[in-house]
Protein backbone atom coordinates (compact mmCIF):
# COMPACT_ATOMS: atom_id res chain seq x y z
CA UNK A 1 -15.78 -12.37 3.89
CA UNK A 2 -17.54 -14.02 0.84
CA UNK A 3 -16.39 -17.55 1.82
CA UNK A 4 -14.19 -19.60 3.98
CA UNK A 5 -11.28 -20.48 1.76
CA UNK A 6 -7.69 -19.80 3.05
CA UNK A 7 -6.89 -17.24 0.25
CA UNK A 8 -9.96 -15.12 1.44
CA UNK A 9 -9.59 -15.33 5.06
CA UNK A 10 -5.98 -16.17 5.84
CA UNK A 11 -4.69 -12.79 6.09
CA UNK A 12 -7.22 -11.54 8.73
CA UNK A 13 -5.32 -12.36 11.91
CA UNK A 14 -2.47 -10.13 10.51
CA UNK A 15 -4.43 -7.11 9.54
CA UNK A 16 -7.23 -7.05 11.98
CA UNK A 17 -5.15 -5.11 14.46
CA UNK A 18 -4.71 -2.25 11.84
CA UNK A 19 -8.37 -2.55 10.93
CA UNK A 20 -10.47 -2.67 14.05
CA UNK A 21 -13.69 -3.03 12.09
CA UNK A 22 -16.76 -5.52 12.13
CA UNK A 23 -16.27 -8.66 10.14
CA UNK A 24 -19.28 -9.92 8.23
CA UNK A 25 -19.73 -13.33 6.80
CA UNK A 26 -22.28 -16.31 6.39
CA UNK A 27 -22.34 -18.90 9.29
CA UNK A 28 -19.86 -21.25 7.93
CA UNK A 29 -17.44 -18.52 6.90
CA UNK A 30 -17.56 -17.05 10.27
CA UNK A 31 -17.01 -20.40 11.92
CA UNK A 32 -13.82 -21.01 9.99
CA UNK A 33 -12.71 -17.30 10.61
CA UNK A 34 -13.34 -17.62 14.34
CA UNK A 35 -11.15 -20.86 14.36
CA UNK A 36 -8.54 -19.03 12.65
CA UNK A 37 -8.56 -16.15 15.07
CA UNK A 38 -8.56 -18.40 18.01
CA UNK A 39 -5.09 -19.79 16.90
CA UNK A 40 -3.77 -16.16 17.38
CA UNK A 41 -5.92 -15.60 20.66
CA UNK A 42 -7.78 -12.72 18.71
CA UNK A 43 -11.33 -14.28 18.68
CA UNK A 44 -12.54 -12.08 21.65
CA UNK A 45 -11.26 -8.92 20.07
CA UNK A 46 -12.95 -9.11 16.66
CA UNK A 47 -16.64 -8.22 16.16
CA UNK A 48 -18.05 -10.99 14.01
CA UNK A 49 -21.51 -10.35 12.36
CA UNK A 50 -23.37 -12.98 10.55
CA UNK A 51 -25.28 -12.41 7.44
CA UNK A 52 -27.21 -14.62 5.00
CA UNK A 53 -27.41 -14.56 1.17
CA UNK A 54 -30.71 -12.76 1.54
CA UNK A 55 -29.54 -9.85 3.76
CA UNK A 56 -29.06 -6.26 2.98
CA UNK A 57 -26.92 -4.13 5.32
CA UNK A 58 -26.19 -0.36 5.43
CA UNK A 59 -22.70 0.85 6.16
CA UNK A 60 -21.09 4.18 6.82
CA UNK A 61 -21.82 7.16 4.53
CA UNK A 62 -24.59 6.28 1.63
CA UNK A 63 -23.48 2.69 0.85
CA UNK A 64 -25.64 -0.38 1.07
CA UNK A 65 -24.54 -3.85 0.77
CA UNK A 66 -26.57 -6.70 -0.77
CA UNK A 67 -25.54 -10.39 -1.03
CA UNK A 68 -26.48 -13.20 -3.35
CA UNK A 69 -25.91 -16.94 -3.08
CA UNK A 70 -23.15 -18.41 -5.32
CA UNK A 71 -21.78 -21.93 -6.03
CA UNK A 72 -18.13 -22.68 -5.25
CA UNK A 73 -16.15 -25.61 -3.72
CA UNK A 74 -17.34 -24.55 -0.23
CA UNK A 75 -20.78 -24.03 1.15
CA UNK A 76 -22.19 -20.69 2.17
CA UNK A 77 -20.39 -18.72 -0.57
CA UNK A 78 -21.84 -15.28 -1.52
CA UNK A 79 -21.23 -12.35 -3.84
CA UNK A 80 -21.62 -8.68 -2.99
CA UNK A 81 -23.55 -5.82 -4.62
CA UNK A 82 -22.39 -2.57 -3.24
CA UNK A 83 -24.93 0.12 -3.97
CA UNK A 84 -23.35 3.52 -4.07
CA UNK A 85 -24.61 7.11 -5.01
CA UNK A 86 -23.11 6.84 -8.46
CA UNK A 87 -24.23 3.05 -9.12
CA UNK A 88 -23.93 -0.55 -8.24
CA UNK A 89 -20.69 -2.44 -8.18
CA UNK A 90 -21.00 -6.21 -8.08
CA UNK A 91 -18.18 -8.47 -6.78
CA UNK A 92 -18.84 -12.06 -7.74
CA UNK A 93 -16.20 -13.44 -5.62
CA UNK A 94 -15.15 -17.09 -6.57
CA UNK A 95 -18.03 -18.64 -8.45
CA UNK A 96 -19.24 -21.46 -10.79
CA UNK A 97 -22.81 -22.23 -12.08
CA UNK A 98 -23.42 -25.68 -10.61
CA UNK A 99 -26.92 -26.88 -11.62
CA UNK A 100 -26.74 -29.97 -9.39
CA UNK A 101 -24.80 -28.80 -6.22
CA UNK A 102 -24.27 -31.24 -3.51
CA UNK A 103 -26.33 -29.23 -0.96
CA UNK A 104 -29.06 -28.46 -3.55
CA UNK A 105 -28.57 -24.68 -3.14
CA UNK A 106 -28.01 -23.34 -6.76
CA UNK A 107 -26.75 -19.84 -7.55
CA UNK A 108 -29.35 -17.10 -7.06
CA UNK A 109 -29.92 -16.44 -10.84
CA UNK A 110 -33.05 -14.30 -10.00
CA UNK A 111 -31.09 -11.89 -7.83
CA UNK A 112 -28.33 -11.58 -10.52
CA UNK A 113 -30.94 -10.96 -13.03
CA UNK A 114 -32.68 -8.45 -10.93
CA UNK A 115 -29.29 -6.50 -10.34
CA UNK A 116 -28.73 -6.57 -14.08
CA UNK A 117 -32.24 -5.06 -14.78
CA UNK A 118 -31.59 -2.47 -12.13
CA UNK A 119 -28.29 -1.54 -13.64
CA UNK A 120 -24.63 -2.48 -12.80
CA UNK A 121 -22.10 0.30 -13.04
CA UNK A 122 -19.11 -2.11 -12.75
CA UNK A 123 -18.64 -5.75 -12.22
CA UNK A 124 -15.51 -7.40 -10.63
CA UNK A 125 -15.66 -10.97 -12.11
CA UNK A 126 -13.77 -14.12 -11.24
CA UNK A 127 -11.57 -14.96 -14.20
CA UNK A 128 -9.65 -18.00 -12.79
CA UNK A 129 -10.94 -20.42 -15.52
CA UNK A 130 -11.50 -17.83 -18.28
CA UNK A 131 -9.08 -19.76 -20.50
CA UNK A 132 -11.10 -23.02 -20.24
CA UNK A 133 -13.83 -23.40 -22.70
CA UNK A 134 -17.20 -24.61 -22.02
CA UNK A 135 -18.59 -25.27 -18.57
CA UNK A 136 -16.97 -26.41 -15.27
CA UNK A 137 -18.44 -29.93 -14.41
CA UNK A 138 -20.82 -30.19 -11.31
CA UNK A 139 -19.41 -31.42 -7.98
CA UNK A 140 -21.85 -34.42 -8.23
CA UNK A 141 -19.86 -35.74 -11.18
CA UNK A 142 -16.93 -36.32 -8.70
CA UNK A 143 -19.29 -38.12 -6.32
CA UNK A 144 -20.12 -40.61 -9.04
CA UNK A 145 -16.29 -41.26 -9.29
CA UNK A 146 -15.87 -41.58 -5.58
CA UNK A 147 -18.66 -44.04 -5.46
CA UNK A 148 -17.07 -46.27 -8.36
CA UNK A 149 -13.55 -46.14 -6.52
CA UNK A 150 -15.16 -47.17 -3.06
CA UNK A 151 -17.09 -50.03 -4.69
CA UNK A 152 -14.10 -51.45 -6.48
CA UNK A 153 -11.31 -50.91 -3.78
CA UNK A 154 -10.47 -53.90 -1.80
CA UNK A 155 -8.01 -52.31 0.76
CA UNK A 156 -7.81 -49.27 2.67
CA UNK A 157 -8.65 -45.99 1.09
CA UNK A 158 -6.61 -42.79 1.67
CA UNK A 159 -8.40 -39.73 0.39
CA UNK A 160 -6.57 -36.37 0.23
CA UNK A 161 -8.45 -33.21 -0.56
CA UNK A 162 -8.68 -29.63 0.45
CA UNK A 163 -9.47 -29.20 4.25
CA UNK A 164 -12.47 -26.79 3.30
CA UNK A 165 -13.95 -28.57 0.40
CA UNK A 166 -16.92 -29.61 2.59
CA UNK A 167 -19.03 -30.82 -0.27
CA UNK A 168 -16.34 -33.36 -1.41
CA UNK A 169 -15.86 -34.53 2.25
CA UNK A 170 -19.62 -35.09 2.47
CA UNK A 171 -19.37 -37.26 -0.71
CA UNK A 172 -16.70 -39.25 0.86
CA UNK A 173 -18.77 -39.65 4.03
CA UNK A 174 -21.76 -40.82 1.93
CA UNK A 175 -19.72 -43.36 -0.09
CA UNK A 176 -17.98 -44.72 3.10
CA UNK A 177 -21.48 -45.04 4.76
CA UNK A 178 -22.69 -46.89 1.63
CA UNK A 179 -19.92 -49.55 1.48
CA UNK A 180 -19.53 -49.96 5.33
CA UNK A 181 -16.45 -48.12 5.98
CA UNK A 182 -15.20 -46.30 9.03
CA UNK A 183 -13.46 -42.81 8.65
CA UNK A 184 -10.26 -41.71 10.25
CA UNK A 185 -9.52 -38.01 9.89
CA UNK A 186 -5.79 -37.13 9.72
CA UNK A 187 -4.31 -33.64 9.70
CA UNK A 188 -5.17 -30.62 11.90
CA UNK A 189 -6.63 -28.51 9.34
CA UNK A 190 -9.08 -30.93 8.11
CA UNK A 191 -9.97 -32.08 11.67
CA UNK A 192 -10.82 -28.46 12.44
CA UNK A 193 -12.84 -27.96 9.37
CA UNK A 194 -14.90 -31.22 9.72
CA UNK A 195 -15.52 -30.35 13.49
CA UNK A 196 -16.85 -26.83 12.55
CA UNK A 197 -18.83 -27.99 9.51
CA UNK A 198 -20.33 -30.77 11.62
CA UNK A 199 -21.14 -28.47 14.54
CA UNK A 200 -22.86 -25.96 12.28
CA UNK A 201 -24.86 -28.53 10.22
CA UNK A 202 -23.02 -28.40 7.04
CA UNK A 203 -21.62 -32.02 7.31
CA UNK A 204 -23.58 -35.06 8.11
CA UNK A 205 -21.05 -37.38 9.98
CA UNK A 206 -22.37 -39.90 12.46
CA UNK A 207 -20.11 -40.08 15.33
CA UNK A 208 -20.13 -44.01 15.09
CA UNK A 209 -18.42 -43.75 11.68
CA UNK A 210 -15.37 -42.00 13.24
CA UNK A 211 -12.22 -43.82 14.26
CA UNK A 212 -9.24 -42.37 15.93
CA UNK A 213 -5.86 -42.85 14.21
CA UNK A 214 -4.53 -44.98 17.12
CA UNK A 215 -7.52 -47.42 16.58
CA UNK A 216 -7.20 -48.08 12.85
CA UNK A 217 -5.15 -51.39 13.34
CA UNK A 218 -8.29 -52.89 14.92
CA UNK A 219 -10.32 -52.80 11.66
CA UNK A 220 -9.87 -54.82 8.47
CA UNK A 221 -8.37 -52.66 5.67
CA UNK A 222 -11.53 -52.97 3.49
CA UNK A 223 -13.49 -51.17 6.29
CA UNK A 224 -11.44 -48.03 6.51
CA UNK A 225 -11.20 -44.47 4.86
CA UNK A 226 -8.33 -42.30 5.86
CA UNK A 227 -9.41 -38.69 5.11
CA UNK A 228 -6.44 -36.41 5.02
CA UNK A 229 -4.64 -33.26 3.88
CA UNK A 230 -1.74 -32.96 1.39
CA UNK A 231 -3.44 -32.72 -2.05
CA UNK A 232 -0.83 -30.18 -3.03
CA UNK A 233 2.24 -31.93 -1.66
CA UNK A 234 2.87 -29.56 1.11
CA UNK A 235 6.03 -30.69 2.81
CA UNK A 236 4.56 -30.95 6.45
CA UNK A 237 1.17 -32.24 5.38
CA UNK A 238 -0.05 -35.61 6.38
CA UNK A 239 -0.10 -37.32 2.93
CA UNK A 240 3.38 -36.18 2.09
CA UNK A 241 4.92 -37.49 5.34
CA UNK A 242 2.83 -40.76 4.76
CA UNK A 243 4.45 -41.03 1.34
CA UNK A 244 7.88 -40.54 2.86
CA UNK A 245 7.27 -43.09 5.78
CA UNK A 246 7.50 -40.17 8.29
CA UNK A 247 4.14 -40.67 9.85
CA UNK A 248 2.72 -43.01 12.13
CA UNK A 249 0.47 -44.15 9.37
CA UNK A 250 2.38 -46.24 6.84
CA UNK A 251 1.56 -47.11 3.21
CA UNK A 252 0.44 -50.85 2.99
CA UNK A 253 0.72 -52.47 -0.54
CA UNK A 254 -2.80 -52.51 -1.77
CA UNK A 255 -3.82 -49.16 -0.38
CA UNK A 256 -5.80 -46.94 -2.71
CA UNK A 257 -4.72 -43.32 -2.57
CA UNK A 258 -6.99 -40.73 -4.03
CA UNK A 259 -5.59 -37.14 -4.45
CA UNK A 260 -8.82 -35.07 -5.08
CA UNK A 261 -7.41 -31.79 -6.41
CA UNK A 262 -5.45 -30.49 -9.43
CA UNK A 263 -1.99 -28.97 -8.57
CA UNK A 264 -2.21 -25.24 -7.93
CA UNK A 265 0.45 -23.61 -10.38
CA UNK A 266 3.93 -23.86 -8.66
CA UNK A 267 3.13 -27.09 -6.72
CA UNK A 268 3.39 -29.44 -9.69
CA UNK A 269 6.70 -30.85 -8.62
CA UNK A 270 5.58 -31.24 -4.93
CA UNK A 271 2.52 -33.30 -6.04
CA UNK A 272 4.54 -35.32 -8.64
CA UNK A 273 7.05 -36.08 -5.91
CA UNK A 274 4.31 -37.30 -3.46
CA UNK A 275 2.61 -39.46 -6.23
CA UNK A 276 5.88 -41.10 -7.02
CA UNK A 277 6.71 -41.80 -3.39
CA UNK A 278 3.28 -43.38 -2.93
CA UNK A 279 3.71 -45.59 -5.98
CA UNK A 280 7.15 -46.68 -4.61
CA UNK A 281 5.62 -47.89 -1.36
CA UNK A 282 2.96 -50.13 -3.24
CA UNK A 283 -0.06 -47.93 -3.25
CA UNK A 284 -2.44 -47.59 -6.21
CA UNK A 285 -2.65 -43.82 -6.71
CA UNK A 286 -5.62 -42.08 -8.36
CA UNK A 287 -4.98 -38.41 -9.20
CA UNK A 288 -6.68 -35.70 -11.26
CA UNK A 289 -4.68 -35.97 -14.39
CA UNK A 290 -5.74 -39.63 -14.99
CA UNK A 291 -9.27 -39.52 -13.51
CA UNK A 292 -12.37 -37.52 -12.95
CA UNK A 293 -11.65 -37.20 -9.36
CA UNK A 294 -11.67 -33.45 -9.22
CA UNK A 295 -13.58 -30.64 -10.63
CA UNK A 296 -12.71 -26.81 -10.30
CA UNK A 297 -14.89 -24.55 -8.05
CA UNK A 298 -14.43 -21.72 -10.62
CA UNK A 299 -16.56 -21.06 -13.76
CA UNK A 300 -15.22 -21.58 -17.18
CA UNK A 301 -15.83 -19.46 -20.31
CA UNK A 302 -19.45 -20.09 -20.93
CA UNK A 303 -20.36 -19.52 -17.23
CA UNK A 304 -18.36 -16.18 -17.32
CA UNK A 305 -20.55 -15.14 -20.31
CA UNK A 306 -23.69 -16.27 -18.39
CA UNK A 307 -22.60 -14.06 -15.51
CA UNK A 308 -22.00 -11.07 -17.64
CA UNK A 309 -25.24 -11.46 -19.71
CA UNK A 310 -27.12 -11.53 -16.15
CA UNK A 311 -25.46 -8.62 -14.69
CA UNK A 312 -24.98 -6.49 -18.01
CA UNK A 313 -22.27 -4.22 -16.48
CA UNK A 314 -21.08 -0.91 -17.94
CA UNK A 315 -17.65 -1.62 -17.03
CA UNK A 316 -15.79 -4.89 -16.27
CA UNK A 317 -12.90 -5.58 -14.03
CA UNK A 318 -11.61 -9.19 -14.26
CA UNK A 319 -10.19 -10.31 -10.86
CA UNK A 320 -8.56 -13.48 -9.25
CA UNK A 321 -6.48 -15.77 -11.54
CA UNK A 322 -3.30 -14.58 -13.19
CA UNK A 323 -2.93 -11.70 -15.64
CA UNK A 324 -3.52 -14.19 -18.60
CA UNK A 325 -6.75 -15.17 -17.25
CA UNK A 326 -7.75 -11.46 -16.99
CA UNK A 327 -6.88 -11.08 -20.56
CA UNK A 328 -9.06 -14.19 -21.69
CA UNK A 329 -11.97 -12.71 -19.47
CA UNK A 330 -11.51 -9.30 -21.24
CA UNK A 331 -11.85 -11.17 -24.68
CA UNK A 332 -15.01 -12.98 -23.50
CA UNK A 333 -16.54 -9.59 -22.38
CA UNK A 334 -15.57 -7.98 -25.76
CA UNK A 335 -17.30 -10.89 -27.60
CA UNK A 336 -20.51 -9.90 -25.78
CA UNK A 337 -20.32 -6.37 -26.74
CA UNK A 338 -18.73 -4.72 -23.89
CA UNK A 339 -16.60 -1.89 -25.19
CA UNK A 340 -12.79 -2.65 -24.84
CA UNK A 341 -12.20 0.82 -23.30
CA UNK A 342 -14.59 -0.22 -20.52
CA UNK A 343 -12.66 -3.22 -19.58
CA UNK A 344 -9.88 -2.60 -17.04
CA UNK A 345 -7.00 -5.06 -16.71
CA UNK A 346 -5.26 -4.35 -13.48
CA UNK A 347 -2.16 -5.07 -11.49
CA UNK A 348 -1.91 -5.07 -7.75
CA UNK A 349 -2.14 -1.58 -6.60
CA UNK A 350 -4.25 -0.19 -9.47
CA UNK A 351 -6.62 2.61 -8.46
CA UNK A 352 -10.03 2.79 -10.33
CA UNK A 353 -12.45 5.70 -10.23
CA UNK A 354 -16.25 5.59 -11.26
CA UNK A 355 -18.82 8.24 -11.76
CA UNK A 356 -22.38 7.88 -13.00
CA UNK A 357 -21.26 8.09 -16.70
CA UNK A 358 -17.62 7.32 -16.62
CA UNK A 359 -14.81 4.99 -15.33
CA UNK A 360 -11.10 5.09 -15.59
CA UNK A 361 -8.00 3.90 -14.04
CA UNK A 362 -6.69 6.97 -12.09
CA UNK A 363 -3.45 5.80 -10.73
CA UNK A 364 -1.50 3.08 -8.72
CA UNK A 365 0.16 2.37 -5.41
CA UNK A 366 3.40 0.70 -4.92
CA UNK A 367 2.74 -2.72 -3.68
CA UNK A 368 5.00 -5.46 -2.29
CA UNK A 369 4.80 -8.73 -0.48
CA UNK A 370 4.17 -8.53 3.23
CA UNK A 371 6.06 -11.48 4.76
CA UNK A 372 5.01 -13.23 7.98
CA UNK A 373 7.99 -14.63 9.88
CA UNK A 374 7.44 -16.07 13.26
CA UNK A 375 5.58 -13.46 15.14
CA UNK A 376 6.83 -10.56 12.98
CA UNK A 377 4.60 -9.33 10.18
CA UNK A 378 6.27 -7.11 7.53
CA UNK A 379 9.47 -6.75 9.36
CA UNK A 380 11.55 -8.87 7.03
CA UNK A 381 12.82 -6.82 4.34
CA UNK A 382 14.92 -7.28 0.97
CA UNK A 383 18.26 -6.92 3.00
CA UNK A 384 17.23 -9.58 5.44
CA UNK A 385 16.01 -11.97 2.52
CA UNK A 386 19.25 -11.26 0.66
CA UNK A 387 21.33 -12.41 3.57
CA UNK A 388 19.25 -15.53 4.11
CA UNK A 389 19.65 -16.40 0.49
CA UNK A 390 23.29 -16.01 0.71
CA UNK A 391 23.56 -18.16 3.81
CA UNK A 392 21.33 -20.82 2.17
CA UNK A 393 23.16 -20.95 -1.12
CA UNK A 394 26.79 -19.89 -0.37
CA UNK A 395 27.25 -20.26 3.50
CA UNK A 396 29.16 -18.00 5.95
CA UNK A 397 32.87 -17.31 6.78
CA UNK A 398 33.52 -15.51 10.12
CA UNK A 399 36.90 -14.00 10.43
CA UNK A 400 38.12 -13.29 13.94
CA UNK A 401 41.21 -11.37 14.70
CA UNK A 402 42.69 -9.54 17.68
CA UNK A 403 44.96 -6.45 16.95
CA UNK A 404 47.05 -4.27 19.15
CA UNK A 405 44.93 -1.08 19.54
CA UNK A 406 48.16 1.18 19.37
CA UNK A 407 50.35 -0.39 16.71
CA UNK A 408 47.93 -2.34 14.57
CA UNK A 409 50.04 -5.55 15.17
CA UNK A 410 48.04 -8.85 14.96
CA UNK A 411 47.91 -10.41 18.55
CA UNK A 412 45.72 -13.43 17.77
CA UNK A 413 44.30 -14.94 14.65
CA UNK A 414 43.02 -14.58 12.11
CA UNK A 415 40.82 -17.52 12.90
CA UNK A 416 38.28 -18.52 10.18
CA UNK A 417 34.94 -20.18 11.19
CA UNK A 418 32.85 -21.59 8.21
CA UNK A 419 29.32 -22.80 8.19
CA UNK A 420 27.61 -24.17 4.95
CA UNK A 421 30.69 -23.20 2.99
CA UNK A 422 33.37 -25.78 3.01
CA UNK A 423 34.04 -29.04 5.16
CA UNK A 424 36.92 -27.68 7.25
CA UNK A 425 38.73 -31.16 7.49
CA UNK A 426 38.85 -31.36 3.69
CA UNK A 427 39.61 -27.55 3.06
CA UNK A 428 42.55 -26.98 5.49
CA UNK A 429 44.92 -25.92 2.59
CA UNK A 430 42.30 -23.35 1.40
CA UNK A 431 41.72 -21.96 4.86
CA UNK A 432 45.48 -21.62 5.69
CA UNK A 433 45.93 -19.73 2.25
CA UNK A 434 43.00 -17.50 3.23
CA UNK A 435 44.48 -16.62 6.63
CA UNK A 436 47.77 -15.69 4.88
CA UNK A 437 45.94 -13.37 2.53
CA UNK A 438 43.94 -11.87 5.31
CA UNK A 439 47.00 -11.30 7.51
CA UNK A 440 48.86 -9.76 4.60
CA UNK A 441 46.04 -7.31 4.01
CA UNK A 442 45.90 -6.35 7.72
CA UNK A 443 49.61 -5.67 7.80
CA UNK A 444 49.50 -3.61 4.79
CA UNK A 445 46.80 -1.48 6.27
CA UNK A 446 48.64 -1.09 9.58
CA UNK A 447 51.79 0.17 7.54
CA UNK A 448 49.65 2.61 5.76
CA UNK A 449 47.90 3.60 9.06
CA UNK A 450 44.45 2.72 7.58
CA UNK A 451 43.07 0.70 10.49
CA UNK A 452 39.97 2.56 10.73
CA UNK A 453 37.26 0.02 11.59
CA UNK A 454 35.14 0.41 8.56
CA UNK A 455 37.97 0.46 6.22
CA UNK A 456 39.52 -2.62 7.65
CA UNK A 457 36.35 -4.65 7.66
CA UNK A 458 35.61 -3.65 4.04
CA UNK A 459 39.10 -4.70 3.14
CA UNK A 460 38.83 -8.04 4.77
CA UNK A 461 35.43 -8.70 3.05
CA UNK A 462 37.07 -7.72 -0.32
CA UNK A 463 40.13 -9.67 0.01
CA UNK A 464 38.60 -12.83 1.25
CA UNK A 465 35.57 -12.77 -0.96
CA UNK A 466 37.79 -12.37 -3.98
CA UNK A 467 40.01 -15.20 -2.87
CA UNK A 468 37.23 -17.68 -2.15
CA UNK A 469 35.50 -16.84 -5.37
CA UNK A 470 38.62 -17.46 -7.35
CA UNK A 471 39.22 -20.79 -5.64
CA UNK A 472 35.85 -22.17 -5.28
CA UNK A 473 33.43 -20.22 -7.57
CA UNK A 474 31.27 -19.24 -4.42
CA UNK A 475 30.49 -16.13 -2.77
CA UNK A 476 29.96 -16.89 0.91
CA UNK A 477 28.86 -14.11 3.44
CA UNK A 478 32.11 -12.79 4.99
CA UNK A 479 31.76 -11.57 8.42
CA UNK A 480 34.79 -9.90 9.94
CA UNK A 481 35.02 -9.47 13.78
CA UNK A 482 37.94 -7.28 14.88
CA UNK A 483 38.77 -6.95 18.36
CA UNK A 484 41.32 -4.43 20.07
CA UNK A 485 43.61 -5.08 22.79
CA UNK A 486 43.86 -3.05 24.89
CA UNK A 487 40.44 -1.45 23.91
CA UNK A 488 40.68 1.91 22.44
CA UNK A 489 37.31 3.04 23.60
CA UNK A 490 35.97 3.55 20.12
CA UNK A 491 33.15 1.26 20.72
CA UNK A 492 33.62 -0.99 17.85
CA UNK A 493 35.56 -3.94 19.10
CA UNK A 494 32.67 -6.47 18.76
CA UNK A 495 30.91 -4.93 15.89
CA UNK A 496 29.24 -7.68 13.83
CA UNK A 497 27.49 -5.78 11.05
CA UNK A 498 28.40 -6.58 7.69
């Protein structure tokens, strides 16, 4: 595990049972991993092995791993050099070159240069910010902005950031101490991160600065900082619920809310809605697009150039980011003289093979999303998702009818039960007409002696579905339940399948 961000450790509880192998990571990374495993009662079943950025470990076969320190938006990040019989493969993981990191620990330039001199067969390089020119600003630049806001704010400060952005949390703590403010931490994930980072020595947070949420009313507004989650507008996060007046903490006119993150692609509407709600409730909101309150943890184009010039790989595989970022990374590499045929743009499932003097894409595996639903992992397939989508968008109509097992005569029903389709009291005429059509279809099948269960259910679905679409333009899920009296013994009388 190269670092402790959710997109790098979050899947571990779901795959570790299929991969009962040792898990390596730096001290903070393993602290966050262990907390995540504890949520699933797996922490005693996993062999966690701590490494440092200076370690080298041998694994099965003739492979050897070396690590090197990198800068990212979380401490204790490392890259990996995999030494193989045919050459060295370097995985940068997420990185930036921060010349003034908050913890003073800069990227290990000497180790990267040494790897380049020794020879790198292939490099897997973070391409997340490849489309951004220049350099990514230092995290300390955010610290200066935080200081200015804290100095000028006259009321409470509510600061939302990623739970694992330990460097930024440390700068908030430093500013709060400087201006005489107490800190209240709100949100399970950020509470866990702060506790782990403090325990392991990555955060300096004096106990006397901490205030519990049920004590904040005892302090003047100008002496409080609420540190919380929700910088991405997540529906159940603390900041989102505060913005909707659904949290025990309420916005007070004069509050300064700082959202110290840029929206992840796809989250823009959620973040925008949260910002609007905060403004509606009288808060002054400072967010990334109108301030310098956030910098990325990923290197921009010039930093990717520096990484490639240090490593001098024979082959390049851009990783992370979207496909467009891989394309931009490939253009950067080509401008540095790496042959285009030695740059591999990949999709999930791409298989690459390397020898001492050759590299190629040799095939691909079929990849699909693995969905986690409750306690189930991967057991929700396309059919279930399709049914859920129909239920969510169109609703359901259940048709219940009792027929004579000998003659096919309708004894009771058909009764129609709807959920999420129409409001029954306002659609009585529609449902009466639907019953007539269903009755007519059943009687027709009985006359033609076609009351086979599968045929009957298919006919009811078709007749009801066509009628409802013509009348409403909707296609609800149709679930026929046909019961026989007396039972025929065919074992189908309460069959609920579609």
